[in-house]
Amino acid sequence: MEININKTDSTVTVEFIGRLDTPSSLEASKAIEPVLEDAGKTIILECKDMSYISSSGLRIFLTIRKAAAAKGGKVIVKNIGDDIRNVFMMTGFLNLFEIQNG
């Protein structure tokens, strides 16, 4: 799992590359700490290159959402593939996040 973070004045883009599974979620939790500090901004979770998400990965998305809600920010999940969309659908995450493709 590779995570790239790009910040502007109004947005934080977090790009997830690879598998966000249980072993990589510990690393990911540490990597997103700066994102949580800027949770008052619009946070874009770019998932076009994410191939898999486990329950541990979903927990990271929830952590970001909770921080944004507490600080008045917004979270947008972009470009999820069909497999990840199915996981989001089965877990109710499609209702929790704004999903954008394209």
PDB file of N, CA and C in Angstrom:
ATOM      1  N   MET A   1       0.846  -1.175   0.000  1.00  0.00           N
ATOM      2  CA  MET A   1       0.000   0.000   0.000  1.00  0.00           C
ATOM      3  C   MET A   1       0.886   1.231   0.000  1.00  0.00           C
ATOM      4  N   GLU A   2       0.578   2.109  -0.910  1.00  0.00           N
ATOM      5  CA  GLU A   2       1.257   3.397  -0.975  1.00  0.00           C
ATOM      6  C   GLU A   2       0.195   4.475  -0.794  1.00  0.00           C
ATOM      7  N   ILE A   3       0.520   5.498  -0.007  1.00  0.00           N
ATOM      8  CA  ILE A   3      -0.400   6.607   0.228  1.00  0.00           C
ATOM      9  C   ILE A   3       0.329   7.909  -0.088  1.00  0.00           C
ATOM     10  N   ASN A   4      -0.263   8.694  -0.982  1.00  0.00           N
ATOM     11  CA  ASN A   4       0.280  10.005  -1.326  1.00  0.00           C
ATOM     12  C   ASN A   4      -0.712  11.060  -0.869  1.00  0.00           C
ATOM     13  N   ILE A   5      -0.191  12.104  -0.217  1.00  0.00           N
ATOM     14  CA  ILE A   5      -1.039  13.174   0.298  1.00  0.00           C
ATOM     15  C   ILE A   5      -0.608  14.489  -0.336  1.00  0.00           C
ATOM     16  N   ASN A   6      -1.569  15.184  -0.921  1.00  0.00           N
ATOM     17  CA  ASN A   6      -1.321  16.510  -1.501  1.00  0.00           C
ATOM     18  C   ASN A   6      -2.281  17.502  -0.873  1.00  0.00           C
ATOM     19  N   LYS A   7      -1.737  18.625  -0.374  1.00  0.00           N
ATOM     20  CA  LYS A   7      -2.565  19.633   0.285  1.00  0.00           C
ATOM     21  C   LYS A   7      -2.571  20.928  -0.526  1.00  0.00           C
ATOM     22  N   THR A   8      -3.746  21.566  -0.568  1.00  0.00           N
ATOM     23  CA  THR A   8      -3.870  22.922  -1.074  1.00  0.00           C
ATOM     24  C   THR A   8      -4.533  23.737   0.033  1.00  0.00           C
ATOM     25  N   ASP A   9      -4.864  24.984  -0.264  1.00  0.00           N
ATOM     26  CA  ASP A   9      -5.502  25.817   0.756  1.00  0.00           C
ATOM     27  C   ASP A   9      -6.850  25.273   1.207  1.00  0.00           C
ATOM     28  N   SER A  10      -7.594  24.659   0.266  1.00  0.00           N
ATOM     29  CA  SER A  10      -8.952  24.241   0.605  1.00  0.00           C
ATOM     30  C   SER A  10      -9.181  22.729   0.573  1.00  0.00           C
ATOM     31  N   THR A  11      -8.234  21.966   0.021  1.00  0.00           N
ATOM     32  CA  THR A  11      -8.443  20.522  -0.082  1.00  0.00           C
ATOM     33  C   THR A  11      -7.213  19.728   0.353  1.00  0.00           C
ATOM     34  N   VAL A  12      -7.487  18.503   0.737  1.00  0.00           N
ATOM     35  CA  VAL A  12      -6.433  17.517   0.986  1.00  0.00           C
ATOM     36  C   VAL A  12      -6.812  16.297   0.161  1.00  0.00           C
ATOM     37  N   THR A  13      -5.911  15.885  -0.735  1.00  0.00           N
ATOM     38  CA  THR A  13      -6.156  14.699  -1.548  1.00  0.00           C
ATOM     39  C   THR A  13      -5.279  13.571  -1.032  1.00  0.00           C
ATOM     40  N   VAL A  14      -5.925  12.444  -0.734  1.00  0.00           N
ATOM     41  CA  VAL A  14      -5.215  11.257  -0.263  1.00  0.00           C
ATOM     42  C   VAL A  14      -5.382  10.194  -1.340  1.00  0.00           C
ATOM     43  N   GLU A  15      -4.273   9.796  -1.949  1.00  0.00           N
ATOM     44  CA  GLU A  15      -4.302   8.799  -3.010  1.00  0.00           C
ATOM     45  C   GLU A  15      -3.874   7.450  -2.435  1.00  0.00           C
ATOM     46  N   PHE A  16      -4.751   6.466  -2.569  1.00  0.00           N
ATOM     47  CA  PHE A  16      -4.473   5.112  -2.092  1.00  0.00           C
ATOM     48  C   PHE A  16      -4.072   4.250  -3.284  1.00  0.00           C
ATOM     49  N   ILE A  17      -2.913   3.596  -3.196  1.00  0.00           N
ATOM     50  CA  ILE A  17      -2.422   2.752  -4.289  1.00  0.00           C
ATOM     51  C   ILE A  17      -2.151   1.364  -3.724  1.00  0.00           C
ATOM     52  N   GLY A  18      -2.826   0.354  -4.287  1.00  0.00           N
ATOM     53  CA  GLY A  18      -2.610  -1.024  -3.855  1.00  0.00           C
ATOM     54  C   GLY A  18      -3.718  -1.523  -2.956  1.00  0.00           C
ATOM     55  N   ARG A  19      -3.361  -2.421  -2.050  1.00  0.00           N
ATOM     56  CA  ARG A  19      -4.311  -3.091  -1.163  1.00  0.00           C
ATOM     57  C   ARG A  19      -4.325  -2.432   0.212  1.00  0.00           C
ATOM     58  N   LEU A  20      -5.499  -1.973   0.623  1.00  0.00           N
ATOM     59  CA  LEU A  20      -5.662  -1.436   1.971  1.00  0.00           C
ATOM     60  C   LEU A  20      -6.242  -2.557   2.823  1.00  0.00           C
ATOM     61  N   ASP A  21      -5.340  -3.456   3.247  1.00  0.00           N
ATOM     62  CA  ASP A  21      -5.743  -4.632   4.011  1.00  0.00           C
ATOM     63  C   ASP A  21      -5.269  -4.494   5.454  1.00  0.00           C
ATOM     64  N   THR A  22      -5.475  -5.525   6.231  1.00  0.00           N
ATOM     65  CA  THR A  22      -5.139  -5.467   7.652  1.00  0.00           C
ATOM     66  C   THR A  22      -3.662  -5.162   7.897  1.00  0.00           C
ATOM     67  N   PRO A  23      -2.721  -5.842   7.232  1.00  0.00           N
ATOM     68  CA  PRO A  23      -1.308  -5.509   7.476  1.00  0.00           C
ATOM     69  C   PRO A  23      -0.945  -4.066   7.096  1.00  0.00           C
ATOM     70  N   SER A  24      -1.502  -3.558   6.005  1.00  0.00           N
ATOM     71  CA  SER A  24      -1.135  -2.207   5.565  1.00  0.00           C
ATOM     72  C   SER A  24      -1.918  -1.121   6.298  1.00  0.00           C
ATOM     73  N   SER A  25      -2.980  -1.474   6.998  1.00  0.00           N
ATOM     74  CA  SER A  25      -3.795  -0.453   7.653  1.00  0.00           C
ATOM     75  C   SER A  25      -3.077   0.209   8.822  1.00  0.00           C
ATOM     76  N   LEU A  26      -2.157  -0.495   9.466  1.00  0.00           N
ATOM     77  CA  LEU A  26      -1.390   0.120  10.547  1.00  0.00           C
ATOM     78  C   LEU A  26      -0.522   1.252  10.000  1.00  0.00           C
ATOM     79  N   GLU A  27       0.162   0.988   8.900  1.00  0.00           N
ATOM     80  CA  GLU A  27       0.947   2.024   8.215  1.00  0.00           C
ATOM     81  C   GLU A  27       0.047   3.160   7.769  1.00  0.00           C
ATOM     82  N   ALA A  28      -1.091   2.813   7.202  1.00  0.00           N
ATOM     83  CA  ALA A  28      -2.012   3.816   6.686  1.00  0.00           C
ATOM     84  C   ALA A  28      -2.534   4.713   7.804  1.00  0.00           C
ATOM     85  N   SER A  29      -2.791   4.143   8.971  1.00  0.00           N
ATOM     86  CA  SER A  29      -3.261   4.930  10.108  1.00  0.00           C
ATOM     87  C   SER A  29      -2.256   6.015  10.470  1.00  0.00           C
ATOM     88  N   LYS A  30      -0.991   5.677  10.439  1.00  0.00           N
ATOM     89  CA  LYS A  30       0.057   6.662  10.730  1.00  0.00           C
ATOM     90  C   LYS A  30       0.164   7.690   9.609  1.00  0.00           C
ATOM     91  N   ALA A  31       0.037   7.221   8.368  1.00  0.00           N
ATOM     92  CA  ALA A  31       0.191   8.107   7.211  1.00  0.00           C
ATOM     93  C   ALA A  31      -0.906   9.159   7.141  1.00  0.00           C
ATOM     94  N   ILE A  32      -2.112   8.831   7.627  1.00  0.00           N
ATOM     95  CA  ILE A  32      -3.213   9.788   7.513  1.00  0.00           C
ATOM     96  C   ILE A  32      -3.292  10.774   8.676  1.00  0.00           C
ATOM     97  N   GLU A  33      -2.420  10.668   9.658  1.00  0.00           N
ATOM     98  CA  GLU A  33      -2.474  11.595  10.799  1.00  0.00           C
ATOM     99  C   GLU A  33      -2.457  13.065  10.370  1.00  0.00           C
ATOM    100  N   PRO A  34      -1.624  13.466   9.394  1.00  0.00           N
ATOM    101  CA  PRO A  34      -1.674  14.869   8.955  1.00  0.00           C
ATOM    102  C   PRO A  34      -3.015  15.249   8.318  1.00  0.00           C
ATOM    103  N   VAL A  35      -3.668  14.282   7.714  1.00  0.00           N
ATOM    104  CA  VAL A  35      -4.980  14.528   7.102  1.00  0.00           C
ATOM    105  C   VAL A  35      -6.001  14.854   8.187  1.00  0.00           C
ATOM    106  N   LEU A  36      -5.930  14.148   9.304  1.00  0.00           N
ATOM    107  CA  LEU A  36      -6.869  14.370  10.395  1.00  0.00           C
ATOM    108  C   LEU A  36      -6.712  15.774  10.976  1.00  0.00           C
ATOM    109  N   GLU A  37      -5.489  16.303  10.954  1.00  0.00           N
ATOM    110  CA  GLU A  37      -5.253  17.662  11.440  1.00  0.00           C
ATOM    111  C   GLU A  37      -5.915  18.697  10.536  1.00  0.00           C
ATOM    112  N   ASP A  38      -6.021  18.396   9.238  1.00  0.00           N
ATOM    113  CA  ASP A  38      -6.634  19.306   8.262  1.00  0.00           C
ATOM    114  C   ASP A  38      -8.062  18.891   7.920  1.00  0.00           C
ATOM    115  N   ALA A  39      -8.740  18.241   8.841  1.00  0.00           N
ATOM    116  CA  ALA A  39     -10.054  17.672   8.560  1.00  0.00           C
ATOM    117  C   ALA A  39     -11.145  18.722   8.360  1.00  0.00           C
ATOM    118  N   GLY A  40     -10.853  19.971   8.604  1.00  0.00           N
ATOM    119  CA  GLY A  40     -11.821  21.032   8.346  1.00  0.00           C
ATOM    120  C   GLY A  40     -11.924  21.386   6.877  1.00  0.00           C
ATOM    121  N   LYS A  41     -11.043  20.857   6.068  1.00  0.00           N
ATOM    122  CA  LYS A  41     -11.038  21.109   4.628  1.00  0.00           C
ATOM    123  C   LYS A  41     -11.853  20.035   3.908  1.00  0.00           C
ATOM    124  N   THR A  42     -11.927  20.140   2.590  1.00  0.00           N
ATOM    125  CA  THR A  42     -12.499  19.065   1.782  1.00  0.00           C
ATOM    126  C   THR A  42     -11.415  18.008   1.594  1.00  0.00           C
ATOM    127  N   ILE A  43     -11.715  16.793   1.986  1.00  0.00           N
ATOM    128  CA  ILE A  43     -10.764  15.687   1.870  1.00  0.00           C
ATOM    129  C   ILE A  43     -11.227  14.794   0.731  1.00  0.00           C
ATOM    130  N   ILE A  44     -10.356  14.597  -0.237  1.00  0.00           N
ATOM    131  CA  ILE A  44     -10.653  13.733  -1.377  1.00  0.00           C
ATOM    132  C   ILE A  44      -9.865  12.443  -1.208  1.00  0.00           C
ATOM    133  N   LEU A  45     -10.570  11.334  -1.127  1.00  0.00           N
ATOM    134  CA  LEU A  45      -9.938  10.024  -1.029  1.00  0.00           C
ATOM    135  C   LEU A  45      -9.939   9.419  -2.428  1.00  0.00           C
ATOM    136  N   GLU A  46      -8.816   9.494  -3.096  1.00  0.00           N
ATOM    137  CA  GLU A  46      -8.675   9.029  -4.481  1.00  0.00           C
ATOM    138  C   GLU A  46      -8.359   7.536  -4.471  1.00  0.00           C
ATOM    139  N   CYS A  47      -9.268   6.748  -5.048  1.00  0.00           N
ATOM    140  CA  CYS A  47      -9.171   5.292  -4.951  1.00  0.00           C
ATOM    141  C   CYS A  47      -8.991   4.605  -6.302  1.00  0.00           C
ATOM    142  N   LYS A  48      -8.668   5.333  -7.347  1.00  0.00           N
ATOM    143  CA  LYS A  48      -8.606   4.716  -8.684  1.00  0.00           C
ATOM    144  C   LYS A  48      -7.557   3.608  -8.760  1.00  0.00           C
ATOM    145  N   ASP A  49      -6.499   3.694  -7.951  1.00  0.00           N
ATOM    146  CA  ASP A  49      -5.453   2.673  -7.974  1.00  0.00           C
ATOM    147  C   ASP A  49      -5.487   1.756  -6.751  1.00  0.00           C
ATOM    148  N   MET A  50      -6.593   1.810  -5.996  1.00  0.00           N
ATOM    149  CA  MET A  50      -6.747   0.908  -4.853  1.00  0.00           C
ATOM    150  C   MET A  50      -7.427  -0.366  -5.348  1.00  0.00           C
ATOM    151  N   SER A  51      -6.811  -1.512  -5.100  1.00  0.00           N
ATOM    152  CA  SER A  51      -7.318  -2.771  -5.628  1.00  0.00           C
ATOM    153  C   SER A  51      -8.158  -3.560  -4.628  1.00  0.00           C
ATOM    154  N   TYR A  52      -8.074  -3.226  -3.327  1.00  0.00           N
ATOM    155  CA  TYR A  52      -8.754  -4.021  -2.303  1.00  0.00           C
ATOM    156  C   TYR A  52      -8.878  -3.183  -1.046  1.00  0.00           C
ATOM    157  N   ILE A  53      -9.982  -3.378  -0.313  1.00  0.00           N
ATOM    158  CA  ILE A  53     -10.127  -2.745   0.995  1.00  0.00           C
ATOM    159  C   ILE A  53     -10.727  -3.765   1.970  1.00  0.00           C
ATOM    160  N   SER A  54     -10.107  -3.877   3.132  1.00  0.00           N
ATOM    161  CA  SER A  54     -10.593  -4.791   4.172  1.00  0.00           C
ATOM    162  C   SER A  54     -11.373  -3.987   5.211  1.00  0.00           C
ATOM    163  N   SER A  55     -11.879  -4.666   6.216  1.00  0.00           N
ATOM    164  CA  SER A  55     -12.586  -3.967   7.290  1.00  0.00           C
ATOM    165  C   SER A  55     -11.662  -2.994   8.011  1.00  0.00           C
ATOM    166  N   SER A  56     -10.388  -3.325   8.111  1.00  0.00           N
ATOM    167  CA  SER A  56      -9.420  -2.408   8.720  1.00  0.00           C
ATOM    168  C   SER A  56      -9.266  -1.145   7.873  1.00  0.00           C
ATOM    169  N   GLY A  57      -9.300  -1.314   6.561  1.00  0.00           N
ATOM    170  CA  GLY A  57      -9.230  -0.170   5.660  1.00  0.00           C
ATOM    171  C   GLY A  57     -10.478   0.687   5.755  1.00  0.00           C
ATOM    172  N   LEU A  58     -11.626   0.038   5.854  1.00  0.00           N
ATOM    173  CA  LEU A  58     -12.874   0.776   6.020  1.00  0.00           C
ATOM    174  C   LEU A  58     -12.852   1.606   7.296  1.00  0.00           C
ATOM    175  N   ARG A  59     -12.244   1.062   8.324  1.00  0.00           N
ATOM    176  CA  ARG A  59     -12.130   1.786   9.591  1.00  0.00           C
ATOM    177  C   ARG A  59     -11.337   3.080   9.414  1.00  0.00           C
ATOM    178  N   ILE A  60     -10.315   3.049   8.569  1.00  0.00           N
ATOM    179  CA  ILE A  60      -9.529   4.257   8.296  1.00  0.00           C
ATOM    180  C   ILE A  60     -10.403   5.314   7.615  1.00  0.00           C
ATOM    181  N   PHE A  61     -11.217   4.883   6.662  1.00  0.00           N
ATOM    182  CA  PHE A  61     -12.131   5.813   5.998  1.00  0.00           C
ATOM    183  C   PHE A  61     -13.096   6.418   7.015  1.00  0.00           C
ATOM    184  N   LEU A  62     -13.600   5.599   7.947  1.00  0.00           N
ATOM    185  CA  LEU A  62     -14.498   6.105   8.993  1.00  0.00           C
ATOM    186  C   LEU A  62     -13.800   7.091   9.912  1.00  0.00           C
ATOM    187  N   THR A  63     -12.556   6.831  10.234  1.00  0.00           N
ATOM    188  CA  THR A  63     -11.778   7.745  11.081  1.00  0.00           C
ATOM    189  C   THR A  63     -11.673   9.113  10.419  1.00  0.00           C
ATOM    190  N   ILE A  64     -11.395   9.121   9.125  1.00  0.00           N
ATOM    191  CA  ILE A  64     -11.300  10.382   8.385  1.00  0.00           C
ATOM    192  C   ILE A  64     -12.659  11.080   8.372  1.00  0.00           C
ATOM    193  N   ARG A  65     -13.718  10.317   8.150  1.00  0.00           N
ATOM    194  CA  ARG A  65     -15.067  10.902   8.116  1.00  0.00           C
ATOM    195  C   ARG A  65     -15.437  11.517   9.458  1.00  0.00           C
ATOM    196  N   LYS A  66     -15.143  10.819  10.556  1.00  0.00           N
ATOM    197  CA  LYS A  66     -15.447  11.338  11.896  1.00  0.00           C
ATOM    198  C   LYS A  66     -14.688  12.624  12.170  1.00  0.00           C
ATOM    199  N   ALA A  67     -13.410  12.668  11.790  1.00  0.00           N
ATOM    200  CA  ALA A  67     -12.608  13.873  12.012  1.00  0.00           C
ATOM    201  C   ALA A  67     -13.156  15.043  11.198  1.00  0.00           C
ATOM    202  N   ALA A  68     -13.545  14.775   9.959  1.00  0.00           N
ATOM    203  CA  ALA A  68     -14.106  15.833   9.107  1.00  0.00           C
ATOM    204  C   ALA A  68     -15.429  16.339   9.678  1.00  0.00           C
ATOM    205  N   ALA A  69     -16.271  15.440  10.151  1.00  0.00           N
ATOM    206  CA  ALA A  69     -17.552  15.842  10.727  1.00  0.00           C
ATOM    207  C   ALA A  69     -17.337  16.712  11.967  1.00  0.00           C
ATOM    208  N   ALA A  70     -16.352  16.365  12.766  1.00  0.00           N
ATOM    209  CA  ALA A  70     -16.079  17.120  13.992  1.00  0.00           C
ATOM    210  C   ALA A  70     -15.525  18.513  13.697  1.00  0.00           C
ATOM    211  N   LYS A  71     -14.835  18.667  12.569  1.00  0.00           N
ATOM    212  CA  LYS A  71     -14.196  19.952  12.253  1.00  0.00           C
ATOM    213  C   LYS A  71     -14.901  20.710  11.135  1.00  0.00           C
ATOM    214  N   GLY A  72     -16.055  20.208  10.698  1.00  0.00           N
ATOM    215  CA  GLY A  72     -16.816  20.899   9.670  1.00  0.00           C
ATOM    216  C   GLY A  72     -16.293  20.692   8.261  1.00  0.00           C
ATOM    217  N   GLY A  73     -15.524  19.638   8.056  1.00  0.00           N
ATOM    218  CA  GLY A  73     -14.987  19.343   6.732  1.00  0.00           C
ATOM    219  C   GLY A  73     -15.917  18.452   5.940  1.00  0.00           C
ATOM    220  N   LYS A  74     -15.444  18.042   4.785  1.00  0.00           N
ATOM    221  CA  LYS A  74     -16.226  17.219   3.868  1.00  0.00           C
ATOM    222  C   LYS A  74     -15.311  16.145   3.303  1.00  0.00           C
ATOM    223  N   VAL A  75     -15.849  14.942   3.105  1.00  0.00           N
ATOM    224  CA  VAL A  75     -15.064  13.840   2.547  1.00  0.00           C
ATOM    225  C   VAL A  75     -15.719  13.376   1.249  1.00  0.00           C
ATOM    226  N   ILE A  76     -14.908  13.275   0.197  1.00  0.00           N
ATOM    227  CA  ILE A  76     -15.361  12.770  -1.087  1.00  0.00           C
ATOM    228  C   ILE A  76     -14.497  11.567  -1.441  1.00  0.00           C
ATOM    229  N   VAL A  77     -15.135  10.444  -1.739  1.00  0.00           N
ATOM    230  CA  VAL A  77     -14.421   9.242  -2.182  1.00  0.00           C
ATOM    231  C   VAL A  77     -14.539   9.203  -3.705  1.00  0.00           C
ATOM    232  N   LYS A  78     -13.390   9.173  -4.378  1.00  0.00           N
ATOM    233  CA  LYS A  78     -13.397   9.238  -5.842  1.00  0.00           C
ATOM    234  C   LYS A  78     -12.891   7.954  -6.478  1.00  0.00           C
ATOM    235  N   ASN A  79     -13.527   7.615  -7.588  1.00  0.00           N
ATOM    236  CA  ASN A  79     -13.044   6.590  -8.517  1.00  0.00           C
ATOM    237  C   ASN A  79     -12.856   5.212  -7.904  1.00  0.00           C
ATOM    238  N   ILE A  80     -13.866   4.733  -7.174  1.00  0.00           N
ATOM    239  CA  ILE A  80     -13.772   3.370  -6.651  1.00  0.00           C
ATOM    240  C   ILE A  80     -14.133   2.391  -7.761  1.00  0.00           C
ATOM    241  N   GLY A  81     -13.410   1.283  -7.791  1.00  0.00           N
ATOM    242  CA  GLY A  81     -13.680   0.225  -8.760  1.00  0.00           C
ATOM    243  C   GLY A  81     -14.885  -0.599  -8.344  1.00  0.00           C
ATOM    244  N   ASP A  82     -15.291  -1.505  -9.210  1.00  0.00           N
ATOM    245  CA  ASP A  82     -16.480  -2.319  -8.954  1.00  0.00           C
ATOM    246  C   ASP A  82     -16.364  -3.168  -7.701  1.00  0.00           C
ATOM    247  N   ASP A  83     -15.193  -3.777  -7.475  1.00  0.00           N
ATOM    248  CA  ASP A  83     -15.030  -4.628  -6.290  1.00  0.00           C
ATOM    249  C   ASP A  83     -15.165  -3.812  -5.007  1.00  0.00           C
ATOM    250  N   ILE A  84     -14.538  -2.656  -4.983  1.00  0.00           N
ATOM    251  CA  ILE A  84     -14.598  -1.804  -3.790  1.00  0.00           C
ATOM    252  C   ILE A  84     -15.998  -1.214  -3.644  1.00  0.00           C
ATOM    253  N   ARG A  85     -16.644  -0.877  -4.757  1.00  0.00           N
ATOM    254  CA  ARG A  85     -18.030  -0.386  -4.708  1.00  0.00           C
ATOM    255  C   ARG A  85     -18.930  -1.453  -4.077  1.00  0.00           C
ATOM    256  N   ASN A  86     -18.705  -2.719  -4.414  1.00  0.00           N
ATOM    257  CA  ASN A  86     -19.496  -3.802  -3.825  1.00  0.00           C
ATOM    258  C   ASN A  86     -19.287  -3.887  -2.319  1.00  0.00           C
ATOM    259  N   VAL A  87     -18.045  -3.726  -1.870  1.00  0.00           N
ATOM    260  CA  VAL A  87     -17.763  -3.733  -0.428  1.00  0.00           C
ATOM    261  C   VAL A  87     -18.476  -2.558   0.237  1.00  0.00           C
ATOM    262  N   PHE A  88     -18.403  -1.386  -0.385  1.00  0.00           N
ATOM    263  CA  PHE A  88     -19.088  -0.208   0.157  1.00  0.00           C
ATOM    264  C   PHE A  88     -20.602  -0.447   0.227  1.00  0.00           C
ATOM    265  N   MET A  89     -21.145  -1.091  -0.792  1.00  0.00           N
ATOM    266  CA  MET A  89     -22.580  -1.349  -0.827  1.00  0.00           C
ATOM    267  C   MET A  89     -22.974  -2.319   0.282  1.00  0.00           C
ATOM    268  N   MET A  90     -22.220  -3.399   0.437  1.00  0.00           N
ATOM    269  CA  MET A  90     -22.548  -4.420   1.441  1.00  0.00           C
ATOM    270  C   MET A  90     -22.426  -3.894   2.868  1.00  0.00           C
ATOM    271  N   THR A  91     -21.525  -2.940   3.090  1.00  0.00           N
ATOM    272  CA  THR A  91     -21.281  -2.433   4.436  1.00  0.00           C
ATOM    273  C   THR A  91     -22.040  -1.152   4.748  1.00  0.00           C
ATOM    274  N   GLY A  92     -22.769  -0.619   3.769  1.00  0.00           N
ATOM    275  CA  GLY A  92     -23.512   0.619   3.990  1.00  0.00           C
ATOM    276  C   GLY A  92     -22.679   1.874   3.805  1.00  0.00           C
ATOM    277  N   PHE A  93     -21.434   1.735   3.368  1.00  0.00           N
ATOM    278  CA  PHE A  93     -20.567   2.896   3.202  1.00  0.00           C
ATOM    279  C   PHE A  93     -21.001   3.796   2.040  1.00  0.00           C
ATOM    280  N   LEU A  94     -21.746   3.247   1.075  1.00  0.00           N
ATOM    281  CA  LEU A  94     -22.225   4.098  -0.024  1.00  0.00           C
ATOM    282  C   LEU A  94     -23.122   5.212   0.521  1.00  0.00           C
ATOM    283  N   ASN A  95     -23.808   4.952   1.631  1.00  0.00           N
ATOM    284  CA  ASN A  95     -24.679   5.959   2.242  1.00  0.00           C
ATOM    285  C   ASN A  95     -23.918   6.919   3.142  1.00  0.00           C
ATOM    286  N   LEU A  96     -22.713   6.542   3.555  1.00  0.00           N
ATOM    287  CA  LEU A  96     -21.958   7.375   4.479  1.00  0.00           C
ATOM    288  C   LEU A  96     -21.076   8.414   3.783  1.00  0.00           C
ATOM    289  N   PHE A  97     -20.712   8.143   2.537  1.00  0.00           N
ATOM    290  CA  PHE A  97     -19.754   8.983   1.826  1.00  0.00           C
ATOM    291  C   PHE A  97     -20.341   9.519   0.541  1.00  0.00           C
ATOM    292  N   GLU A  98     -19.860  10.698   0.148  1.00  0.00           N
ATOM    293  CA  GLU A  98     -20.140  11.186  -1.197  1.00  0.00           C
ATOM    294  C   GLU A  98     -19.180  10.469  -2.142  1.00  0.00           C
ATOM    295  N   ILE A  99     -19.731   9.765  -3.124  1.00  0.00           N
ATOM    296  CA  ILE A  99     -18.926   8.987  -4.073  1.00  0.00           C
ATOM    297  C   ILE A  99     -18.959   9.692  -5.422  1.00  0.00           C
ATOM    298  N   GLN A 100     -17.792   9.910  -5.989  1.00  0.00           N
ATOM    299  CA  GLN A 100     -17.696  10.521  -7.315  1.00  0.00           C
ATOM    300  C   GLN A 100     -16.814   9.647  -8.193  1.00  0.00           C
ATOM    301  N   ASN A 101     -17.225   9.478  -9.439  1.00  0.00           N
ATOM    302  CA  ASN A 101     -16.409   8.761 -10.429  1.00  0.00           C
ATOM    303  C   ASN A 101     -16.180   9.664 -11.625  1.00  0.00           C
ATOM    304  N   GLY A 102     -14.955   9.581 -12.150  1.00  0.00           N
ATOM    305  CA  GLY A 102     -14.640  10.360 -13.341  1.00  0.00           C
ATOM    306  C   GLY A 102     -13.955  11.651 -13.065  1.00  0.00           C
TER     307      GLY A 102
END
